[in-house]
C-alpha atoms as a PDB file:
ATOM      1  CA  MET A   1      49.725  72.557  34.406  1.00  0.00           C
ATOM      2  CA  ALA A   2      47.026  72.165  31.783  1.00  0.00           C
ATOM      3  CA  SER A   3      43.572  71.062  32.922  1.00  0.00           C
ATOM      4  CA  ASP A   4      41.816  68.069  31.371  1.00  0.00           C
ATOM      5  CA  ALA A   5      39.293  70.387  29.698  1.00  0.00           C
ATOM      6  CA  ALA A   6      42.011  72.585  28.242  1.00  0.00           C
ATOM      7  CA  SER A   7      44.029  69.553  27.110  1.00  0.00           C
ATOM      8  CA  ALA A   8      41.033  68.229  25.174  1.00  0.00           C
ATOM      9  CA  THR A   9      41.084  71.306  22.911  1.00  0.00           C
ATOM     10  CA  LEU A  10      44.786  70.962  22.102  1.00  0.00           C
ATOM     11  CA  THR A  11      45.360  69.454  18.669  1.00  0.00           C
ATOM     12  CA  PRO A  12      47.941  69.843  15.881  1.00  0.00           C
ATOM     13  CA  GLU A  13      45.455  72.227  14.254  1.00  0.00           C
ATOM     14  CA  THR A  14      45.293  74.515  17.310  1.00  0.00           C
ATOM     15  CA  VAL A  15      48.911  74.244  18.519  1.00  0.00           C
ATOM     16  CA  PRO A  16      51.610  75.399  16.064  1.00  0.00           C
ATOM     17  CA  LEU A  17      54.874  73.469  16.078  1.00  0.00           C
ATOM     18  CA  GLY A  18      57.909  75.669  16.722  1.00  0.00           C
ATOM     19  CA  ASP A  19      61.633  75.043  16.499  1.00  0.00           C
ATOM     20  CA  GLY A  20      62.958  76.452  19.804  1.00  0.00           C
ATOM     21  CA  PRO A  21      62.293  75.367  23.389  1.00  0.00           C
ATOM     22  CA  PRO A  22      58.810  73.800  23.447  1.00  0.00           C
ATOM     23  CA  THR A  23      55.714  75.200  25.101  1.00  0.00           C
ATOM     24  CA  ARG A  24      53.666  73.105  27.509  1.00  0.00           C
ATOM     25  CA  GLU A  25      50.987  72.832  24.815  1.00  0.00           C
ATOM     26  CA  GLU A  26      53.532  71.478  22.327  1.00  0.00           C
ATOM     27  CA  MET A  27      54.687  68.939  24.892  1.00  0.00           C
ATOM     28  CA  LEU A  28      51.105  67.691  25.310  1.00  0.00           C
ATOM     29  CA  VAL A  29      50.321  67.493  21.591  1.00  0.00           C
ATOM     30  CA  TYR A  30      53.582  66.493  19.917  1.00  0.00           C
ATOM     31  CA  TYR A  31      55.747  64.942  22.637  1.00  0.00           C
ATOM     32  CA  PRO A  32      53.466  62.995  25.023  1.00  0.00           C
ATOM     33  CA  ALA A  33      55.025  61.198  27.982  1.00  0.00           C
ATOM     34  CA  LYS A  34      56.675  57.875  27.301  1.00  0.00           C
ATOM     35  CA  PHE A  35      56.641  56.667  30.895  1.00  0.00           C
ATOM     36  CA  THR A  36      54.612  57.078  34.070  1.00  0.00           C
ATOM     37  CA  TRP A  37      55.559  58.725  37.356  1.00  0.00           C
ATOM     38  CA  LYS A  38      56.091  55.289  38.894  1.00  0.00           C
ATOM     39  CA  GLN A  39      58.361  54.254  36.016  1.00  0.00           C
ATOM     40  CA  LEU A  40      60.299  57.517  36.330  1.00  0.00           C
ATOM     41  CA  LYS A  41      60.911  56.849  40.036  1.00  0.00           C
ATOM     42  CA  THR A  42      61.983  53.306  39.209  1.00  0.00           C
ATOM     43  CA  PHE A  43      64.520  54.598  36.676  1.00  0.00           C
ATOM     44  CA  VAL A  44      65.912  57.066  39.223  1.00  0.00           C
ATOM     45  CA  ASN A  45      66.092  54.389  41.927  1.00  0.00           C
ATOM     46  CA  SER A  46      67.848  51.961  39.598  1.00  0.00           C
ATOM     47  CA  GLY A  47      70.913  54.183  39.410  1.00  0.00           C
ATOM     48  CA  ASP A  48      70.858  53.818  35.609  1.00  0.00           C
ATOM     49  CA  LEU A  49      70.099  57.463  34.918  1.00  0.00           C
ATOM     50  CA  GLY A  50      70.736  56.969  31.203  1.00  0.00           C
ATOM     51  CA  LEU A  51      67.193  55.552  31.029  1.00  0.00           C
ATOM     52  CA  LEU A  52      65.800  59.078  31.469  1.00  0.00           C
ATOM     53  CA  LYS A  53      65.546  60.520  27.987  1.00  0.00           C
ATOM     54  CA  ARG A  54      63.683  63.043  25.900  1.00  0.00           C
ATOM     55  CA  ASP A  55      61.191  62.102  23.235  1.00  0.00           C
ATOM     56  CA  ARG A  56      63.231  61.218  20.112  1.00  0.00           C
ATOM     57  CA  LYS A  57      61.577  63.925  18.034  1.00  0.00           C
ATOM     58  CA  LEU A  58      62.154  66.477  20.771  1.00  0.00           C
ATOM     59  CA  GLN A  59      65.789  65.372  21.075  1.00  0.00           C
ATOM     60  CA  LYS A  60      66.245  65.993  17.347  1.00  0.00           C
ATOM     61  CA  ARG A  61      64.684  69.438  17.760  1.00  0.00           C
ATOM     62  CA  TYR A  62      67.004  70.109  20.703  1.00  0.00           C
ATOM     63  CA  ASP A  63      70.080  69.043  18.710  1.00  0.00           C
ATOM     64  CA  THR A  64      69.192  71.498  15.924  1.00  0.00           C
ATOM     65  CA  TRP A  65      68.579  74.294  18.454  1.00  0.00           C
ATOM     66  CA  ALA A  66      71.835  73.496  20.268  1.00  0.00           C
ATOM     67  CA  GLN A  67      73.808  73.835  17.019  1.00  0.00           C
ATOM     68  CA  GLY A  68      72.444  77.355  16.609  1.00  0.00           C
ATOM     69  CA  ILE A  69      73.187  78.204  20.239  1.00  0.00           C
ATOM     70  CA  LYS A  70      76.781  76.993  19.919  1.00  0.00           C
ATOM     71  CA  ALA A  71      77.217  78.973  16.694  1.00  0.00           C
ATOM     72  CA  LYS A  72      75.989  82.139  18.435  1.00  0.00           C
ATOM     73  CA  TYR A  73      77.621  81.728  21.859  1.00  0.00           C
ATOM     74  CA  GLY A  74      80.588  79.525  21.015  1.00  0.00           C
ATOM     75  CA  SER A  75      79.552  76.797  23.458  1.00  0.00           C
ATOM     76  CA  MET A  76      76.627  75.673  25.584  1.00  0.00           C
ATOM     77  CA  ALA A  77      78.554  76.697  28.715  1.00  0.00           C
ATOM     78  CA  ASN A  78      78.942  80.231  27.303  1.00  0.00           C
ATOM     79  CA  TYR A  79      75.193  80.399  26.627  1.00  0.00           C
ATOM     80  CA  LEU A  80      74.436  79.364  30.195  1.00  0.00           C
ATOM     81  CA  LEU A  81      76.969  81.709  31.782  1.00  0.00           C
ATOM     82  CA  ASN A  82      76.343  84.701  29.466  1.00  0.00           C
ATOM     83  CA  TYR A  83      72.564  84.529  29.392  1.00  0.00           C
ATOM     84  CA  ARG A  84      70.551  81.617  30.731  1.00  0.00           C
ATOM     85  CA  LEU A  85      71.664  81.362  34.361  1.00  0.00           C
ATOM     86  CA  GLN A  86      70.591  84.270  36.549  1.00  0.00           C
ATOM     87  CA  TRP A  87      72.336  83.688  39.871  1.00  0.00           C
ATOM     88  CA  GLY A  88      70.119  84.474  42.833  1.00  0.00           C
ATOM     89  CA  GLN A  89      67.265  85.592  40.582  1.00  0.00           C
ATOM     90  CA  HIS A  90      63.891  84.166  39.644  1.00  0.00           C
ATOM     91  CA  ASP A  91      63.893  82.226  36.365  1.00  0.00           C
ATOM     92  CA  SER A  92      62.404  84.821  34.020  1.00  0.00           C
ATOM     93  CA  ILE A  93      63.418  83.098  30.770  1.00  0.00           C
ATOM     94  CA  SER A  94      61.762  79.678  30.711  1.00  0.00           C
ATOM     95  CA  ILE A  95      58.446  79.428  28.871  1.00  0.00           C
ATOM     96  CA  LEU A  96      57.632  76.319  30.912  1.00  0.00           C
ATOM     97  CA  ARG A  97      56.418  77.830  34.167  1.00  0.00           C
ATOM     98  CA  SER A  98      56.390  76.134  37.551  1.00  0.00           C
ATOM     99  CA  SER A  99      53.276  76.223  39.707  1.00  0.00           C
ATOM    100  CA  LEU A 100      55.630  77.476  42.437  1.00  0.00           C
ATOM    101  CA  ASP A 101      55.638  80.788  40.554  1.00  0.00           C
ATOM    102  CA  THR A 102      52.234  81.581  42.045  1.00  0.00           C
ATOM    103  CA  ALA A 103      53.121  80.313  45.514  1.00  0.00           C
ATOM    104  CA  PRO A 104      54.243  82.556  48.416  1.00  0.00           C
ATOM    105  CA  PRO A 105      57.949  83.535  48.343  1.00  0.00           C
ATOM    106  CA  HIS A 106      60.299  80.702  49.282  1.00  0.00           C
ATOM    107  CA  ILE A 107      62.234  81.440  52.448  1.00  0.00           C
ATOM    108  CA  VAL A 108      65.973  80.694  52.658  1.00  0.00           C
ATOM    109  CA  ASN A 109      67.920  81.704  55.771  1.00  0.00           C
ATOM    110  CA  GLY A 110      65.023  83.868  56.893  1.00  0.00           C
ATOM    111  CA  SER A 111      64.743  85.868  53.650  1.00  0.00           C
ATOM    112  CA  ALA A 112      62.514  85.463  50.605  1.00  0.00           C
ATOM    113  CA  THR A 113      63.926  84.586  47.205  1.00  0.00           C
ATOM    114  CA  PRO A 114      64.083  87.526  44.763  1.00  0.00           C
ATOM    115  CA  ALA A 115      60.904  88.747  43.081  1.00  0.00           C
ATOM    116  CA  VAL A 116      60.064  88.014  39.463  1.00  0.00           C
ATOM    117  CA  THR A 117      62.390  89.882  37.111  1.00  0.00           C
ATOM    118  CA  ALA A 118      62.330  90.691  33.410  1.00  0.00           C
ATOM    119  CA  PRO A 119      64.425  88.523  31.069  1.00  0.00           C
ATOM    120  CA  PRO A 120      68.028  89.775  30.831  1.00  0.00           C
ATOM    121  CA  ASP A 121      69.355  91.669  27.835  1.00  0.00           C
ATOM    122  CA  GLU A 122      71.346  89.739  25.267  1.00  0.00           C
ATOM    123  CA  PRO A 123      75.103  90.077  25.903  1.00  0.00           C
ATOM    124  CA  LEU A 124      77.030  92.478  23.644  1.00  0.00           C
ATOM    125  CA  ASP A 125      79.549  89.749  22.851  1.00  0.00           C
ATOM    126  CA  PRO A 126      77.750  86.371  23.105  1.00  0.00           C
ATOM    127  CA  LYS A 127      80.980  84.443  22.471  1.00  0.00           C
ATOM    128  CA  GLU A 128      82.869  86.114  25.297  1.00  0.00           C
ATOM    129  CA  ALA A 129      84.269  83.313  27.427  1.00  0.00           C
ATOM    130  CA  LYS A 130      82.866  83.942  30.872  1.00  0.00           C
ATOM    131  CA  LYS A 131      83.620  82.150  34.095  1.00  0.00           C
ATOM    132  CA  LEU A 132      81.497  81.638  37.167  1.00  0.00           C
ATOM    133  CA  PRO A 133      81.268  84.795  39.307  1.00  0.00           C
ATOM    134  CA  PRO A 134      83.848  84.922  42.127  1.00  0.00           C
ATOM    135  CA  LEU A 135      82.625  83.215  45.266  1.00  0.00           C
ATOM    136  CA  PRO A 136      81.945  85.339  48.349  1.00  0.00           C
ATOM    137  CA  PRO A 137      84.249  84.769  51.347  1.00  0.00           C
ATOM    138  CA  ASP A 138      81.546  82.904  53.272  1.00  0.00           C
ATOM    139  CA  ALA A 139      80.690  80.476  50.453  1.00  0.00           C
ATOM    140  CA  PRO A 140      80.729  76.816  51.534  1.00  0.00           C
ATOM    141  CA  PRO A 141      83.255  74.502  49.825  1.00  0.00           C
ATOM    142  CA  TYR A 142      80.423  72.361  48.436  1.00  0.00           C
ATOM    143  CA  PHE A 143      76.620  72.268  48.216  1.00  0.00           C
ATOM    144  CA  ARG A 144      74.753  73.009  51.436  1.00  0.00           C
ATOM    145  CA  SER A 145      71.022  73.202  52.004  1.00  0.00           C
ATOM    146  CA  ASP A 146      71.245  76.597  53.698  1.00  0.00           C
ATOM    147  CA  MET A 147      73.683  78.404  51.412  1.00  0.00           C
ATOM    148  CA  SER A 148      72.935  81.853  49.996  1.00  0.00           C
ATOM    149  CA  PRO A 149      70.514  82.067  47.016  1.00  0.00           C
ATOM    150  CA  GLU A 150      73.147  84.081  45.089  1.00  0.00           C
ATOM    151  CA  LEU A 151      75.110  80.829  44.705  1.00  0.00           C
ATOM    152  CA  LEU A 152      72.206  79.166  42.892  1.00  0.00           C
ATOM    153  CA  SER A 153      70.166  79.478  39.723  1.00  0.00           C
ATOM    154  CA  ILE A 154      66.978  77.406  39.817  1.00  0.00           C
ATOM    155  CA  THR A 155      65.390  76.978  36.406  1.00  0.00           C
ATOM    156  CA  MET A 156      62.812  74.885  34.693  1.00  0.00           C
ATOM    157  CA  ASN A 157      64.322  72.451  32.195  1.00  0.00           C
ATOM    158  CA  ASP A 158      63.662  74.154  28.836  1.00  0.00           C
ATOM    159  CA  TRP A 159      63.974  70.741  27.152  1.00  0.00           C
ATOM    160  CA  PRO A 160      62.304  68.326  29.613  1.00  0.00           C
ATOM    161  CA  TYR A 161      62.546  64.579  29.548  1.00  0.00           C
ATOM    162  CA  SER A 162      59.590  62.449  28.539  1.00  0.00           C
ATOM    163  CA  VAL A 163      57.735  62.856  31.832  1.00  0.00           C
ATOM    164  CA  PRO A 164      53.984  62.968  32.559  1.00  0.00           C
ATOM    165  CA  PRO A 165      52.446  66.455  32.123  1.00  0.00           C
ATOM    166  CA  GLU A 166      51.750  66.805  35.856  1.00  0.00           C
ATOM    167  CA  VAL A 167      55.474  66.446  36.640  1.00  0.00           C
ATOM    168  CA  GLU A 168      57.669  69.560  36.678  1.00  0.00           C
ATOM    169  CA  HIS A 169      61.310  69.132  35.682  1.00  0.00           C
ATOM    170  CA  SER A 170      63.548  71.687  37.409  1.00  0.00           C
ATOM    171  CA  LEU A 171      67.318  72.194  37.504  1.00  0.00           C
ATOM    172  CA  ILE A 172      69.286  73.518  40.466  1.00  0.00           C
ATOM    173  CA  TRP A 173      72.533  75.044  39.145  1.00  0.00           C
ATOM    174  CA  SER A 174      75.219  75.617  41.763  1.00  0.00           C
ATOM    175  CA  ARG A 175      78.315  77.829  41.809  1.00  0.00           C
ATOM    176  CA  VAL A 176      79.952  75.452  44.283  1.00  0.00           C
ATOM    177  CA  PRO A 177      80.576  71.721  43.718  1.00  0.00           C
ATOM    178  CA  ILE A 178      77.864  69.224  44.640  1.00  0.00           C
ATOM    179  CA  LEU A 179      80.401  66.815  46.160  1.00  0.00           C
ATOM    180  CA  PRO A 180      83.183  67.685  48.620  1.00  0.00           C
ATOM    181  CA  PRO A 181      86.336  68.773  46.724  1.00  0.00           C
ATOM    182  CA  ASP A 182      88.482  66.599  48.996  1.00  0.00           C
ATOM    183  CA  LEU A 183      86.695  63.391  47.985  1.00  0.00           C
ATOM    184  CA  PRO A 184      89.346  60.693  47.385  1.00  0.00           C
ATOM    185  CA  PRO A 185      90.038  59.624  43.768  1.00  0.00           C
ATOM    186  CA  PRO A 186      87.787  56.769  42.547  1.00  0.00           C
ATOM    187  CA  SER A 187      90.835  54.495  42.369  1.00  0.00           C
ATOM    188  CA  GLU A 188      91.362  54.901  46.124  1.00  0.00           C
ATOM    189  CA  SER A 189      87.798  54.667  47.432  1.00  0.00           C
ATOM    190  CA  THR A 190      84.857  52.409  46.599  1.00  0.00           C
ATOM    191  CA  ILE A 191      82.484  55.200  47.700  1.00  0.00           C
ATOM    192  CA  SER A 192      84.125  57.686  45.319  1.00  0.00           C
ATOM    193  CA  ALA A 193      83.998  55.094  42.565  1.00  0.00           C
ATOM    194  CA  ARG A 194      80.259  54.628  43.144  1.00  0.00           C
ATOM    195  CA  LEU A 195      79.596  58.378  43.137  1.00  0.00           C
ATOM    196  CA  HIS A 196      81.533  58.877  39.898  1.00  0.00           C
ATOM    197  CA  GLN A 197      79.883  55.896  38.239  1.00  0.00           C
ATOM    198  CA  ASP A 198      76.275  56.291  39.416  1.00  0.00           C
ATOM    199  CA  GLY A 199      75.864  59.852  40.722  1.00  0.00           C
ATOM    200  CA  LEU A 200      73.370  60.645  43.489  1.00  0.00           C
ATOM    201  CA  TRP A 201      69.600  60.348  43.775  1.00  0.00           C
ATOM    202  CA  GLY A 202      66.797  60.458  46.300  1.00  0.00           C
ATOM    203  CA  PHE A 203      63.083  60.941  46.941  1.00  0.00           C
ATOM    204  CA  THR A 204      60.952  63.197  49.121  1.00  0.00           C
ATOM    205  CA  GLY A 205      57.270  63.275  50.031  1.00  0.00           C
ATOM    206  CA  ASN A 206      56.742  59.571  49.386  1.00  0.00           C
ATOM    207  CA  GLU A 207      53.859  57.725  51.036  1.00  0.00           C
ATOM    208  CA  SER A 208      55.736  54.464  50.484  1.00  0.00           C
ATOM    209  CA  PRO A 209      59.292  53.471  49.513  1.00  0.00           C
ATOM    210  CA  PRO A 210      60.182  54.135  45.860  1.00  0.00           C
ATOM    211  CA  PRO A 211      59.737  51.198  43.469  1.00  0.00           C
ATOM    212  CA  SER A 212      62.630  48.783  43.697  1.00  0.00           C
ATOM    213  CA  PRO A 213      64.513  48.159  40.433  1.00  0.00           C
ATOM    214  CA  SER A 214      65.737  44.806  41.674  1.00  0.00           C
ATOM    215  CA  THR A 215      64.459  41.603  43.196  1.00  0.00           C
ATOM    216  CA  LEU A 216      67.776  40.859  44.868  1.00  0.00           C
ATOM    217  CA  PRO A 217      67.556  40.192  48.612  1.00  0.00           C
ATOM    218  CA  GLU A 218      68.398  43.166  50.813  1.00  0.00           C
ATOM    219  CA  SER A 219      70.499  41.142  53.216  1.00  0.00           C
ATOM    220  CA  LEU A 220      73.890  41.871  51.706  1.00  0.00           C
ATOM    221  CA  GLY A 221      75.469  43.652  54.666  1.00  0.00           C
ATOM    222  CA  ARG A 222      78.485  45.156  52.898  1.00  0.00           C
ATOM    223  CA  ALA A 223      76.405  46.427  50.010  1.00  0.00           C
ATOM    224  CA  LEU A 224      73.918  48.048  52.369  1.00  0.00           C
ATOM    225  CA  ARG A 225      76.641  49.732  54.389  1.00  0.00           C
ATOM    226  CA  GLU A 226      78.169  51.087  51.199  1.00  0.00           C
ATOM    227  CA  GLU A 227      74.758  52.301  50.072  1.00  0.00           C
ATOM    228  CA  ARG A 228      74.273  54.205  53.331  1.00  0.00           C
ATOM    229  CA  GLU A 229      77.678  55.845  52.937  1.00  0.00           C
ATOM    230  CA  VAL A 230      76.837  56.947  49.395  1.00  0.00           C
ATOM    231  CA  ARG A 231      73.474  58.354  50.521  1.00  0.00           C
ATOM    232  CA  LYS A 232      75.192  60.589  53.095  1.00  0.00           C
ATOM    233  CA  TYR A 233      76.557  62.685  50.241  1.00  0.00           C
ATOM    234  CA  GLY A 234      73.006  63.511  49.208  1.00  0.00           C
ATOM    235  CA  GLU A 235      71.696  64.594  52.612  1.00  0.00           C
ATOM    236  CA  GLU A 236      72.172  68.326  52.003  1.00  0.00           C
ATOM    237  CA  ILE A 237      70.475  68.074  48.611  1.00  0.00           C
ATOM    238  CA  GLU A 238      67.508  66.310  50.182  1.00  0.00           C
ATOM    239  CA  LYS A 239      67.203  69.022  52.856  1.00  0.00           C
ATOM    240  CA  PHE A 240      67.211  71.699  50.162  1.00  0.00           C
ATOM    241  CA  VAL A 241      64.611  69.870  48.055  1.00  0.00           C
ATOM    242  CA  LYS A 242      62.323  69.454  51.066  1.00  0.00           C
ATOM    243  CA  ARG A 243      62.619  73.138  51.889  1.00  0.00           C
ATOM    244  CA  ARG A 244      61.655  74.230  48.373  1.00  0.00           C
ATOM    245  CA  TRP A 245      59.132  71.471  47.551  1.00  0.00           C
ATOM    246  CA  ASP A 246      57.229  70.993  50.815  1.00  0.00           C
ATOM    247  CA  PRO A 247      56.863  67.191  51.290  1.00  0.00           C
ATOM    248  CA  ARG A 248      53.312  67.703  52.556  1.00  0.00           C
ATOM    249  CA  GLU A 249      52.348  69.063  49.136  1.00  0.00           C
ATOM    250  CA  TRP A 250      54.924  67.625  46.741  1.00  0.00           C
ATOM    251  CA  GLU A 251      56.462  64.291  45.870  1.00  0.00           C
ATOM    252  CA  THR A 252      59.876  64.515  44.228  1.00  0.00           C
ATOM    253  CA  ALA A 253      62.552  62.371  42.672  1.00  0.00           C
ATOM    254  CA  TRP A 254      65.932  64.084  42.306  1.00  0.00           C
ATOM    255  CA  PHE A 255      69.306  63.062  40.941  1.00  0.00           C
ATOM    256  CA  VAL A 256      72.787  64.297  40.091  1.00  0.00           C
ATOM    257  CA  ASN A 257      74.240  62.792  36.939  1.00  0.00           C
ATOM    258  CA  PRO A 258      77.649  61.126  37.211  1.00  0.00           C
ATOM    259  CA  PRO A 259      80.372  62.790  35.106  1.00  0.00           C
ATOM    260  CA  ARG A 260      79.873  60.320  32.241  1.00  0.00           C
ATOM    261  CA  LEU A 261      76.272  61.519  31.732  1.00  0.00           C
ATOM    262  CA  GLN A 262      76.663  65.255  32.348  1.00  0.00           C
ATOM    263  CA  SER A 263      75.559  67.260  29.315  1.00  0.00           C
ATOM    264  CA  VAL A 264      77.337  70.404  30.566  1.00  0.00           C
ATOM    265  CA  PRO A 265      80.336  69.127  32.586  1.00  0.00           C
ATOM    266  CA  GLU A 266      81.552  72.676  33.260  1.00  0.00           C
ATOM    267  CA  LEU A 267      78.490  73.498  35.376  1.00  0.00           C
ATOM    268  CA  THR A 268      77.257  71.385  38.253  1.00  0.00           C
ATOM    269  CA  HIS A 269      73.502  70.892  38.603  1.00  0.00           C
ATOM    270  CA  ILE A 270      70.775  68.782  40.194  1.00  0.00           C
ATOM    271  CA  HIS A 271      67.692  67.471  38.396  1.00  0.00           C
ATOM    272  CA  VAL A 272      64.411  67.562  40.325  1.00  0.00           C
ATOM    273  CA  PHE A 273      61.174  65.938  39.144  1.00  0.00           C
ATOM    274  CA  ALA A 274      58.297  67.266  41.242  1.00  0.00           C
ATOM    275  CA  ARG A 275      54.645  66.219  41.270  1.00  0.00           C
ATOM    276  CA  ARG A 276      52.118  68.225  43.262  1.00  0.00           C
ATOM    277  CA  LYS A 277      50.033  65.894  45.434  1.00  0.00           C
ATOM    278  CA  THR A 278      46.279  65.591  45.071  1.00  0.00           C
ATOM    279  CA  PRO A 279      44.011  66.888  47.879  1.00  0.00           C
ATOM    280  CA  MET A 280      43.238  63.258  48.752  1.00  0.00           C
ATOM    281  CA  GLU A 281      46.938  62.407  49.124  1.00  0.00           C
ATOM    282  CA  ILE A 282      47.502  65.463  51.323  1.00  0.00           C
ATOM    283  CA  ALA A 283      44.534  64.588  53.523  1.00  0.00           C
ATOM    284  CA  ARG A 284      45.683  60.969  53.807  1.00  0.00           C
ATOM    285  CA  ALA A 285      49.163  62.076  54.865  1.00  0.00           C
ATOM    286  CA  GLU A 286      47.715  64.395  57.518  1.00  0.00           C
ATOM    287  CA  ILE A 287      45.695  61.541  58.969  1.00  0.00           C
ATOM    288  CA  ASN A 288      48.567  59.061  58.880  1.00  0.00           C
ATOM    289  CA  PRO A 289      51.887  60.970  58.588  1.00  0.00           C
ATOM    290  CA  GLN A 290      54.675  58.871  57.083  1.00  0.00           C
ATOM    291  CA  ILE A 291      56.937  61.567  55.658  1.00  0.00           C
END
């Protein structure tokens, strides 16, 4: 995260404009945030996840880059499976670093996540159609907060949305489905229909409820019951997010895109926007815990 003093020295004259994944300095100079943290949380809480977008100029840059990636690897899924996703390993590829990189090792099931590794070698045949690695016998049928790190690849988003510079945009890629495989078809269940239409989302580390996207009264009993049922499918994700981004130190907004908005339908993933709290916010929470 760039300091105010460092940001003041960043100008088009001092920061060259590239054509691949952007640096943090490029994001500050050429693609400044289009909405605030509060607005971002409002978008997530609205269920209309299509509101979360990249800067238009950055999107154009991404589209050009993606054409080259598809020409080299055959598809975006091939690029991810052949190179980008390092299952169970630290993200050694992204040039947008997380401040968690300097934090103590994250503990999952009593063991620390793997140490920092060098970027992988380019595959001999980039267009080789790879599949997800075979699942171990003890793999859960769908996403669980305590599953083995080898089933996950946690990366920074190389092409982040138009978020404030203090917000980190991470992706949790999973080798198992996010939702239970035995979920009824949308045509047979209103809950399934909601999940397929709107996806999942949630918040951690909040001092107050997330901004409401609606002024409708909250007394509609059936709607509230349905909402609670939908939220149950995100409980394991929320547990995982809290374990990685300690709610005492971080505020997060996370979501899972519905199928209609998934950029890489072949690979299931969770978006996490994380903002490290200020010392004042941490002290206030310690005095009056609400998390």
